[in-house]
N, C-alpha and C. Protein backbone atom coordinates (compact mmCIF):
# COMPACT_ATOMS: atom_id res chain seq x y z
N UNK A 1 -67.41 -37.91 -22.76
CA UNK A 1 -68.05 -36.84 -22.02
C UNK A 1 -68.98 -37.47 -21.00
N UNK A 2 -68.86 -37.04 -19.74
CA UNK A 2 -69.72 -37.61 -18.71
C UNK A 2 -71.08 -36.93 -18.66
N UNK A 3 -71.97 -37.50 -17.86
CA UNK A 3 -73.36 -37.05 -17.82
C UNK A 3 -73.49 -35.61 -17.30
N UNK A 4 -72.72 -35.25 -16.28
CA UNK A 4 -72.84 -33.90 -15.71
C UNK A 4 -72.35 -32.83 -16.66
N UNK A 5 -71.28 -33.10 -17.40
CA UNK A 5 -70.79 -32.07 -18.33
C UNK A 5 -71.75 -31.88 -19.50
N UNK A 6 -72.40 -32.96 -19.95
CA UNK A 6 -73.37 -32.79 -21.05
C UNK A 6 -74.59 -32.03 -20.57
N UNK A 7 -74.98 -32.20 -19.30
CA UNK A 7 -76.11 -31.44 -18.76
C UNK A 7 -75.76 -29.97 -18.64
N UNK A 8 -74.55 -29.64 -18.21
CA UNK A 8 -74.18 -28.23 -18.07
C UNK A 8 -74.11 -27.56 -19.43
N UNK A 9 -73.72 -28.30 -20.48
CA UNK A 9 -73.68 -27.71 -21.82
C UNK A 9 -75.07 -27.34 -22.31
N UNK A 10 -76.09 -28.09 -21.91
CA UNK A 10 -77.45 -27.76 -22.29
C UNK A 10 -77.85 -26.41 -21.72
N UNK A 11 -77.42 -26.11 -20.50
CA UNK A 11 -77.79 -24.86 -19.85
C UNK A 11 -76.96 -23.69 -20.36
N UNK A 12 -75.85 -23.95 -21.00
CA UNK A 12 -75.00 -22.88 -21.52
C UNK A 12 -75.37 -22.49 -22.94
N UNK A 13 -76.43 -23.09 -23.49
CA UNK A 13 -76.87 -22.74 -24.84
C UNK A 13 -77.20 -21.25 -24.88
N UNK A 14 -76.72 -20.58 -25.87
CA UNK A 14 -76.96 -19.14 -25.94
C UNK A 14 -78.41 -18.85 -26.31
N UNK A 15 -78.85 -17.64 -25.98
CA UNK A 15 -80.20 -17.24 -26.30
C UNK A 15 -80.44 -17.18 -27.80
N UNK A 16 -79.38 -16.93 -28.56
CA UNK A 16 -79.55 -16.89 -30.02
C UNK A 16 -79.89 -18.27 -30.56
N UNK A 17 -79.42 -19.33 -29.89
CA UNK A 17 -79.77 -20.68 -30.31
C UNK A 17 -81.21 -21.01 -29.93
N UNK A 18 -81.65 -20.53 -28.79
CA UNK A 18 -83.01 -20.82 -28.31
C UNK A 18 -84.06 -19.97 -29.01
N UNK A 19 -83.73 -18.72 -29.31
CA UNK A 19 -84.68 -17.77 -29.88
C UNK A 19 -84.05 -17.08 -31.09
N UNK A 20 -83.89 -17.81 -32.19
CA UNK A 20 -83.15 -17.24 -33.33
C UNK A 20 -83.80 -16.01 -33.94
N UNK A 21 -85.13 -15.97 -34.05
CA UNK A 21 -85.77 -14.82 -34.68
C UNK A 21 -85.69 -13.58 -33.81
N UNK A 22 -85.79 -13.76 -32.49
CA UNK A 22 -85.62 -12.62 -31.58
C UNK A 22 -84.18 -12.12 -31.65
N UNK A 23 -83.23 -13.02 -31.71
CA UNK A 23 -81.82 -12.62 -31.82
C UNK A 23 -81.56 -11.85 -33.11
N UNK A 24 -82.14 -12.32 -34.21
CA UNK A 24 -81.98 -11.62 -35.49
C UNK A 24 -82.61 -10.23 -35.40
N UNK A 25 -83.79 -10.16 -34.79
CA UNK A 25 -84.48 -8.87 -34.66
C UNK A 25 -83.65 -7.91 -33.82
N UNK A 26 -83.04 -8.38 -32.73
CA UNK A 26 -82.23 -7.49 -31.90
C UNK A 26 -80.97 -7.05 -32.63
N UNK A 27 -80.38 -7.94 -33.42
CA UNK A 27 -79.22 -7.56 -34.25
C UNK A 27 -79.61 -6.46 -35.23
N UNK A 28 -80.76 -6.61 -35.87
CA UNK A 28 -81.22 -5.61 -36.84
C UNK A 28 -81.56 -4.30 -36.14
N UNK A 29 -82.12 -4.39 -34.93
CA UNK A 29 -82.39 -3.19 -34.13
C UNK A 29 -81.08 -2.47 -33.85
N UNK A 30 -80.07 -3.25 -33.50
CA UNK A 30 -78.75 -2.70 -33.16
C UNK A 30 -78.11 -2.03 -34.37
N UNK A 31 -78.32 -2.58 -35.56
CA UNK A 31 -77.70 -2.03 -36.77
C UNK A 31 -78.63 -1.09 -37.53
N UNK A 32 -79.80 -0.80 -36.96
CA UNK A 32 -80.77 0.14 -37.53
C UNK A 32 -81.25 -0.28 -38.92
N UNK A 33 -81.46 -1.56 -39.12
CA UNK A 33 -81.96 -2.06 -40.40
C UNK A 33 -83.44 -2.37 -40.25
N UNK A 34 -84.25 -1.70 -41.06
CA UNK A 34 -85.69 -1.93 -41.00
C UNK A 34 -86.01 -3.28 -41.62
N UNK A 35 -86.65 -4.13 -40.84
CA UNK A 35 -86.99 -5.48 -41.29
C UNK A 35 -88.22 -5.96 -40.54
N UNK A 36 -88.80 -7.03 -41.06
CA UNK A 36 -89.90 -7.71 -40.39
C UNK A 36 -89.55 -9.18 -40.30
N UNK A 37 -89.55 -9.72 -39.10
CA UNK A 37 -89.28 -11.13 -38.86
C UNK A 37 -90.47 -11.72 -38.12
N UNK A 38 -91.46 -12.20 -38.86
CA UNK A 38 -92.64 -12.75 -38.22
C UNK A 38 -93.31 -11.72 -37.35
N UNK A 39 -93.29 -11.94 -36.06
CA UNK A 39 -93.90 -11.01 -35.11
C UNK A 39 -93.03 -9.78 -34.86
N UNK A 40 -91.76 -9.84 -35.17
CA UNK A 40 -90.82 -8.77 -34.84
C UNK A 40 -90.69 -7.80 -36.00
N UNK A 41 -90.92 -6.52 -35.71
CA UNK A 41 -90.80 -5.49 -36.73
C UNK A 41 -89.80 -4.44 -36.23
N UNK A 42 -88.82 -4.14 -37.07
CA UNK A 42 -87.82 -3.14 -36.73
C UNK A 42 -88.05 -1.94 -37.62
N UNK A 43 -88.11 -0.77 -37.00
CA UNK A 43 -88.31 0.46 -37.75
C UNK A 43 -87.39 1.55 -37.23
N UNK A 44 -87.53 2.74 -37.80
CA UNK A 44 -86.72 3.89 -37.40
C UNK A 44 -87.64 5.06 -37.09
N UNK A 45 -87.19 5.88 -36.17
CA UNK A 45 -87.89 7.13 -35.84
C UNK A 45 -86.82 8.13 -35.41
N UNK A 46 -86.58 9.13 -36.22
CA UNK A 46 -85.50 10.10 -35.99
C UNK A 46 -84.18 9.34 -35.84
N UNK A 47 -83.51 9.46 -34.69
CA UNK A 47 -82.23 8.78 -34.48
C UNK A 47 -82.39 7.53 -33.60
N UNK A 48 -83.63 7.02 -33.51
CA UNK A 48 -83.91 5.83 -32.71
C UNK A 48 -84.25 4.65 -33.61
N UNK A 49 -83.95 3.47 -33.13
CA UNK A 49 -84.43 2.24 -33.76
C UNK A 49 -85.58 1.74 -32.91
N UNK A 50 -86.59 1.14 -33.54
CA UNK A 50 -87.77 0.67 -32.82
C UNK A 50 -87.94 -0.82 -33.04
N UNK A 51 -88.28 -1.53 -31.97
CA UNK A 51 -88.63 -2.93 -32.05
C UNK A 51 -90.08 -3.06 -31.62
N UNK A 52 -90.90 -3.55 -32.55
CA UNK A 52 -92.33 -3.71 -32.26
C UNK A 52 -92.64 -5.19 -32.18
N UNK A 53 -93.21 -5.58 -31.04
CA UNK A 53 -93.63 -6.95 -30.79
C UNK A 53 -95.08 -6.89 -30.34
N UNK A 54 -95.97 -7.70 -30.94
CA UNK A 54 -97.37 -7.66 -30.52
C UNK A 54 -97.51 -7.91 -29.01
N UNK A 55 -98.44 -7.20 -28.41
CA UNK A 55 -98.79 -7.32 -26.99
C UNK A 55 -97.74 -6.78 -26.03
N UNK A 56 -96.70 -6.14 -26.55
CA UNK A 56 -95.68 -5.51 -25.71
C UNK A 56 -95.53 -4.06 -26.15
N UNK A 57 -95.06 -3.20 -25.25
CA UNK A 57 -94.78 -1.82 -25.67
C UNK A 57 -93.65 -1.80 -26.70
N UNK A 58 -93.48 -0.69 -27.37
CA UNK A 58 -92.41 -0.54 -28.37
C UNK A 58 -91.09 -0.31 -27.63
N UNK A 59 -90.05 -1.04 -28.04
CA UNK A 59 -88.71 -0.85 -27.50
C UNK A 59 -88.00 0.16 -28.37
N UNK A 60 -87.56 1.28 -27.76
CA UNK A 60 -86.82 2.31 -28.49
C UNK A 60 -85.36 2.22 -28.09
N UNK A 61 -84.48 2.30 -29.09
CA UNK A 61 -83.05 2.08 -28.86
C UNK A 61 -82.24 3.19 -29.52
N UNK A 62 -81.32 3.77 -28.74
CA UNK A 62 -80.41 4.79 -29.24
C UNK A 62 -78.99 4.31 -29.00
N UNK A 63 -78.13 4.54 -29.99
CA UNK A 63 -76.72 4.19 -29.80
C UNK A 63 -75.82 5.20 -30.49
N UNK A 64 -74.67 5.41 -29.87
CA UNK A 64 -73.58 6.18 -30.45
C UNK A 64 -72.32 5.40 -30.10
N UNK A 65 -71.88 4.55 -31.02
CA UNK A 65 -70.77 3.64 -30.72
C UNK A 65 -69.44 4.36 -30.55
N UNK A 66 -69.30 5.54 -31.12
CA UNK A 66 -68.03 6.27 -30.96
C UNK A 66 -67.77 6.63 -29.50
N UNK A 67 -68.84 6.91 -28.76
CA UNK A 67 -68.69 7.31 -27.36
C UNK A 67 -69.27 6.28 -26.39
N UNK A 68 -69.58 5.08 -26.88
CA UNK A 68 -70.15 4.00 -26.07
C UNK A 68 -71.41 4.44 -25.35
N UNK A 69 -72.28 5.11 -26.07
CA UNK A 69 -73.57 5.54 -25.50
C UNK A 69 -74.63 4.61 -26.08
N UNK A 70 -75.28 3.89 -25.20
CA UNK A 70 -76.37 2.99 -25.59
C UNK A 70 -77.50 3.19 -24.59
N UNK A 71 -78.71 3.36 -25.10
CA UNK A 71 -79.89 3.49 -24.24
C UNK A 71 -81.07 2.80 -24.90
N UNK A 72 -81.81 2.06 -24.11
CA UNK A 72 -83.04 1.43 -24.61
C UNK A 72 -84.12 1.63 -23.57
N UNK A 73 -85.32 1.88 -24.04
CA UNK A 73 -86.45 1.99 -23.11
C UNK A 73 -87.72 1.53 -23.78
N UNK A 74 -88.63 1.05 -22.97
CA UNK A 74 -89.94 0.61 -23.44
C UNK A 74 -90.86 1.80 -23.42
N UNK A 75 -91.47 2.12 -24.55
CA UNK A 75 -92.33 3.30 -24.68
C UNK A 75 -93.70 3.01 -24.07
N UNK A 76 -93.87 3.45 -22.83
CA UNK A 76 -95.12 3.22 -22.12
C UNK A 76 -95.74 4.53 -21.63
N UNK A 77 -95.41 5.62 -22.32
CA UNK A 77 -95.98 6.91 -21.97
C UNK A 77 -95.22 7.67 -20.90
N UNK A 78 -94.19 7.07 -20.31
CA UNK A 78 -93.37 7.75 -19.32
C UNK A 78 -92.19 8.41 -20.03
N UNK A 79 -91.53 9.32 -19.32
CA UNK A 79 -90.34 9.93 -19.93
C UNK A 79 -89.25 8.86 -20.06
N UNK A 80 -88.45 8.92 -21.11
CA UNK A 80 -87.42 7.90 -21.33
C UNK A 80 -86.46 7.74 -20.15
N UNK A 81 -86.12 8.83 -19.47
CA UNK A 81 -85.19 8.74 -18.36
C UNK A 81 -85.74 7.90 -17.21
N UNK A 82 -87.06 7.94 -17.01
CA UNK A 82 -87.68 7.19 -15.92
C UNK A 82 -87.91 5.75 -16.29
N UNK A 83 -87.89 5.42 -17.57
CA UNK A 83 -88.25 4.09 -18.02
C UNK A 83 -87.12 3.40 -18.78
N UNK A 84 -85.86 3.73 -18.46
CA UNK A 84 -84.74 3.10 -19.15
C UNK A 84 -84.70 1.61 -18.86
N UNK A 85 -84.53 0.82 -19.88
CA UNK A 85 -84.45 -0.63 -19.74
C UNK A 85 -82.99 -1.08 -19.69
N UNK A 86 -82.18 -0.51 -20.58
CA UNK A 86 -80.76 -0.85 -20.66
C UNK A 86 -80.01 0.44 -20.95
N UNK A 87 -78.90 0.64 -20.26
CA UNK A 87 -78.06 1.81 -20.50
C UNK A 87 -76.62 1.44 -20.20
N UNK A 88 -75.70 2.25 -20.68
CA UNK A 88 -74.28 2.04 -20.40
C UNK A 88 -73.79 3.17 -19.53
N UNK A 89 -73.15 2.81 -18.44
CA UNK A 89 -72.55 3.77 -17.52
C UNK A 89 -71.04 3.67 -17.66
N UNK A 90 -70.39 4.82 -17.90
CA UNK A 90 -68.93 4.84 -18.06
C UNK A 90 -68.30 5.39 -16.80
N UNK A 91 -67.28 4.71 -16.31
CA UNK A 91 -66.57 5.14 -15.11
C UNK A 91 -65.07 4.98 -15.35
N UNK A 92 -64.32 5.55 -14.42
CA UNK A 92 -62.88 5.36 -14.44
C UNK A 92 -62.41 5.13 -13.01
N UNK A 93 -61.35 4.35 -12.87
CA UNK A 93 -60.76 4.19 -11.54
C UNK A 93 -59.25 4.20 -11.68
N UNK A 94 -58.60 4.66 -10.62
CA UNK A 94 -57.14 4.69 -10.62
C UNK A 94 -56.62 3.33 -10.19
N UNK A 95 -55.60 2.86 -10.89
CA UNK A 95 -55.01 1.57 -10.60
C UNK A 95 -53.52 1.79 -10.35
N UNK A 96 -53.02 1.25 -9.23
CA UNK A 96 -51.59 1.33 -8.94
C UNK A 96 -50.88 0.18 -9.64
N UNK A 97 -49.86 0.52 -10.38
CA UNK A 97 -49.05 -0.49 -11.03
C UNK A 97 -47.87 -0.80 -10.14
N UNK A 98 -47.75 -2.03 -9.70
CA UNK A 98 -46.72 -2.40 -8.73
C UNK A 98 -45.31 -2.30 -9.31
N UNK A 99 -45.14 -2.62 -10.57
CA UNK A 99 -43.80 -2.61 -11.16
C UNK A 99 -43.20 -1.21 -11.23
N UNK A 100 -43.98 -0.28 -11.74
CA UNK A 100 -43.43 1.05 -11.99
C UNK A 100 -43.80 2.06 -10.91
N UNK A 101 -44.57 1.65 -9.92
CA UNK A 101 -44.95 2.51 -8.81
C UNK A 101 -45.65 3.79 -9.30
N UNK A 102 -46.52 3.65 -10.27
CA UNK A 102 -47.27 4.78 -10.79
C UNK A 102 -48.74 4.39 -10.91
N UNK A 103 -49.59 5.40 -11.06
CA UNK A 103 -51.02 5.17 -11.19
C UNK A 103 -51.44 5.34 -12.64
N UNK A 104 -52.36 4.50 -13.06
CA UNK A 104 -52.96 4.63 -14.38
C UNK A 104 -54.47 4.58 -14.21
N UNK A 105 -55.15 5.04 -15.23
CA UNK A 105 -56.61 5.07 -15.21
C UNK A 105 -57.14 3.86 -15.99
N UNK A 106 -58.08 3.14 -15.38
CA UNK A 106 -58.76 2.05 -16.07
C UNK A 106 -60.19 2.48 -16.37
N UNK A 107 -60.60 2.30 -17.61
CA UNK A 107 -61.97 2.62 -18.00
C UNK A 107 -62.87 1.44 -17.71
N UNK A 108 -64.07 1.73 -17.21
CA UNK A 108 -65.04 0.70 -16.88
C UNK A 108 -66.34 1.03 -17.60
N UNK A 109 -66.85 0.08 -18.34
CA UNK A 109 -68.12 0.22 -19.04
C UNK A 109 -69.11 -0.76 -18.40
N UNK A 110 -70.13 -0.21 -17.79
CA UNK A 110 -71.10 -1.01 -17.07
C UNK A 110 -72.43 -0.97 -17.84
N UNK A 111 -72.86 -2.12 -18.34
CA UNK A 111 -74.14 -2.22 -19.03
C UNK A 111 -75.17 -2.52 -17.95
N UNK A 112 -76.06 -1.57 -17.71
CA UNK A 112 -77.02 -1.67 -16.61
C UNK A 112 -78.38 -2.08 -17.15
N UNK A 113 -78.92 -3.17 -16.59
CA UNK A 113 -80.25 -3.65 -16.95
C UNK A 113 -81.20 -3.26 -15.83
N UNK A 114 -82.29 -2.65 -16.18
CA UNK A 114 -83.31 -2.34 -15.18
C UNK A 114 -84.21 -3.56 -15.04
N UNK A 115 -84.42 -4.00 -13.81
CA UNK A 115 -85.26 -5.16 -13.57
C UNK A 115 -86.70 -4.84 -13.94
N UNK A 116 -87.35 -5.76 -14.61
CA UNK A 116 -88.76 -5.62 -14.96
C UNK A 116 -89.46 -6.91 -14.54
N UNK A 117 -90.57 -6.78 -13.85
CA UNK A 117 -91.28 -7.96 -13.34
C UNK A 117 -91.94 -8.76 -14.46
N UNK A 118 -92.12 -8.15 -15.62
CA UNK A 118 -92.66 -8.88 -16.77
C UNK A 118 -91.53 -9.70 -17.38
N UNK A 119 -91.64 -11.00 -17.31
CA UNK A 119 -90.54 -11.89 -17.71
C UNK A 119 -90.12 -11.70 -19.16
N UNK A 120 -91.07 -11.46 -20.07
CA UNK A 120 -90.72 -11.30 -21.48
C UNK A 120 -89.86 -10.06 -21.68
N UNK A 121 -90.25 -8.97 -21.05
CA UNK A 121 -89.50 -7.72 -21.20
C UNK A 121 -88.13 -7.83 -20.54
N UNK A 122 -88.08 -8.44 -19.37
CA UNK A 122 -86.80 -8.60 -18.69
C UNK A 122 -85.86 -9.49 -19.51
N UNK A 123 -86.39 -10.52 -20.12
CA UNK A 123 -85.59 -11.41 -20.95
C UNK A 123 -85.02 -10.67 -22.15
N UNK A 124 -85.84 -9.87 -22.82
CA UNK A 124 -85.37 -9.08 -23.97
C UNK A 124 -84.32 -8.07 -23.52
N UNK A 125 -84.53 -7.44 -22.36
CA UNK A 125 -83.53 -6.51 -21.82
C UNK A 125 -82.19 -7.20 -21.64
N UNK A 126 -82.21 -8.41 -21.09
CA UNK A 126 -80.98 -9.16 -20.87
C UNK A 126 -80.30 -9.52 -22.17
N UNK A 127 -81.08 -9.92 -23.17
CA UNK A 127 -80.49 -10.25 -24.48
C UNK A 127 -79.85 -9.03 -25.12
N UNK A 128 -80.54 -7.89 -25.04
CA UNK A 128 -80.00 -6.66 -25.61
C UNK A 128 -78.74 -6.22 -24.86
N UNK A 129 -78.73 -6.36 -23.54
CA UNK A 129 -77.55 -6.01 -22.74
C UNK A 129 -76.36 -6.88 -23.13
N UNK A 130 -76.58 -8.15 -23.35
CA UNK A 130 -75.50 -9.05 -23.76
C UNK A 130 -74.97 -8.66 -25.13
N UNK A 131 -75.85 -8.28 -26.03
CA UNK A 131 -75.45 -7.83 -27.36
C UNK A 131 -74.59 -6.56 -27.26
N UNK A 132 -75.01 -5.62 -26.42
CA UNK A 132 -74.25 -4.38 -26.22
C UNK A 132 -72.89 -4.69 -25.61
N UNK A 133 -72.86 -5.55 -24.60
CA UNK A 133 -71.60 -5.92 -23.95
C UNK A 133 -70.64 -6.55 -24.97
N UNK A 134 -71.15 -7.45 -25.79
CA UNK A 134 -70.30 -8.08 -26.80
C UNK A 134 -69.72 -7.05 -27.76
N UNK A 135 -70.54 -6.07 -28.17
CA UNK A 135 -70.08 -5.03 -29.10
C UNK A 135 -69.03 -4.14 -28.43
N UNK A 136 -69.24 -3.79 -27.17
CA UNK A 136 -68.25 -2.96 -26.45
C UNK A 136 -66.94 -3.72 -26.33
N UNK A 137 -67.00 -4.98 -25.92
CA UNK A 137 -65.77 -5.77 -25.77
C UNK A 137 -65.05 -5.93 -27.11
N UNK A 138 -65.79 -6.11 -28.18
CA UNK A 138 -65.19 -6.22 -29.51
C UNK A 138 -64.47 -4.92 -29.87
N UNK A 139 -65.11 -3.78 -29.66
CA UNK A 139 -64.51 -2.49 -29.97
C UNK A 139 -63.31 -2.19 -29.08
N UNK A 140 -63.38 -2.56 -27.80
CA UNK A 140 -62.27 -2.31 -26.88
C UNK A 140 -61.06 -3.14 -27.25
N UNK A 141 -61.27 -4.37 -27.69
CA UNK A 141 -60.13 -5.22 -28.05
C UNK A 141 -59.45 -4.73 -29.31
N UNK A 142 -60.19 -4.06 -30.19
CA UNK A 142 -59.59 -3.54 -31.42
C UNK A 142 -58.71 -2.33 -31.16
N UNK A 143 -59.09 -1.47 -30.21
CA UNK A 143 -58.36 -0.23 -29.99
C UNK A 143 -57.33 -0.28 -28.88
N UNK A 144 -57.13 -1.43 -28.26
CA UNK A 144 -56.24 -1.52 -27.11
C UNK A 144 -54.78 -1.54 -27.54
N UNK A 145 -53.96 -0.77 -26.82
CA UNK A 145 -52.52 -0.81 -27.04
C UNK A 145 -51.87 -1.55 -25.87
N UNK A 146 -50.63 -1.90 -26.03
CA UNK A 146 -49.93 -2.67 -25.01
C UNK A 146 -49.77 -1.88 -23.71
N UNK A 147 -49.56 -0.57 -23.81
CA UNK A 147 -49.30 0.24 -22.63
C UNK A 147 -50.56 0.48 -21.78
N UNK A 148 -51.72 0.37 -22.38
CA UNK A 148 -52.97 0.66 -21.67
C UNK A 148 -53.34 -0.45 -20.70
N UNK A 149 -54.03 -0.06 -19.65
CA UNK A 149 -54.65 -1.04 -18.78
C UNK A 149 -55.91 -1.50 -19.49
N UNK A 150 -56.13 -2.80 -19.50
CA UNK A 150 -57.29 -3.34 -20.22
C UNK A 150 -58.57 -2.79 -19.63
N UNK A 151 -59.44 -2.16 -20.46
CA UNK A 151 -60.73 -1.69 -19.97
C UNK A 151 -61.60 -2.85 -19.52
N UNK A 152 -62.50 -2.57 -18.62
CA UNK A 152 -63.39 -3.59 -18.07
C UNK A 152 -64.80 -3.30 -18.55
N UNK A 153 -65.49 -4.34 -19.01
CA UNK A 153 -66.90 -4.23 -19.42
C UNK A 153 -67.68 -5.31 -18.69
N UNK A 154 -68.83 -4.92 -18.12
CA UNK A 154 -69.62 -5.88 -17.35
C UNK A 154 -71.09 -5.52 -17.40
N UNK A 155 -71.94 -6.50 -17.04
CA UNK A 155 -73.38 -6.29 -16.97
C UNK A 155 -73.79 -6.29 -15.50
N UNK A 156 -74.60 -5.31 -15.12
CA UNK A 156 -75.18 -5.28 -13.78
C UNK A 156 -76.68 -5.06 -13.90
N UNK A 157 -77.38 -5.30 -12.80
CA UNK A 157 -78.83 -5.14 -12.81
C UNK A 157 -79.23 -4.23 -11.65
N UNK A 158 -80.16 -3.33 -11.94
CA UNK A 158 -80.69 -2.46 -10.88
C UNK A 158 -82.19 -2.69 -10.78
N UNK A 159 -82.71 -2.45 -9.60
CA UNK A 159 -84.15 -2.66 -9.40
C UNK A 159 -84.90 -1.37 -9.46
C-alpha cells in the first residue's frame, strides 16, 4: 500500500469509529430505546424519541419507517416545522426505458439536512442523516423486484 492510499483511508474513517458513544446514542434514538451513554441520554415523549446532550438543545426525532417519514429537530422553543434539522423528502420522476419504449416511475428519497452554523449540531445532523439514508437503502434493497426501476436515495443540504 502506498503512502497516498493509506492517507486517504484515514479520512474515510466512519463517524462511528471516531465517535462510538455518539453513534450508539443515535442508533438507540433511531430504535427508540431509552438509554444513558455517559453524556448522551435517550428518552421518549409521546411518539418522539429524545436525545439529550449537555449544553445543547434536545434533539427530537420522529420516524415512520413504513412510509419513509423521518423528521428531527432541535427543541429551541420554535415550531418544529421552522426548526427541522433532518427530514426526508419523497419524490417521483418519469424515466424512459429505451428497450421497451415506455415510461416508468422512479422513486426518489432525499434526506435533507438543514445547515446549522453550530458545528456540533451540524455534525450530529449529518450523522443522523447518514443513519437514515443507510436505513432507507437497506429497506429499499429488501423490497425491490426485478421489474422495478431502482429507487434513488441521497443526502442533500439546505441553508
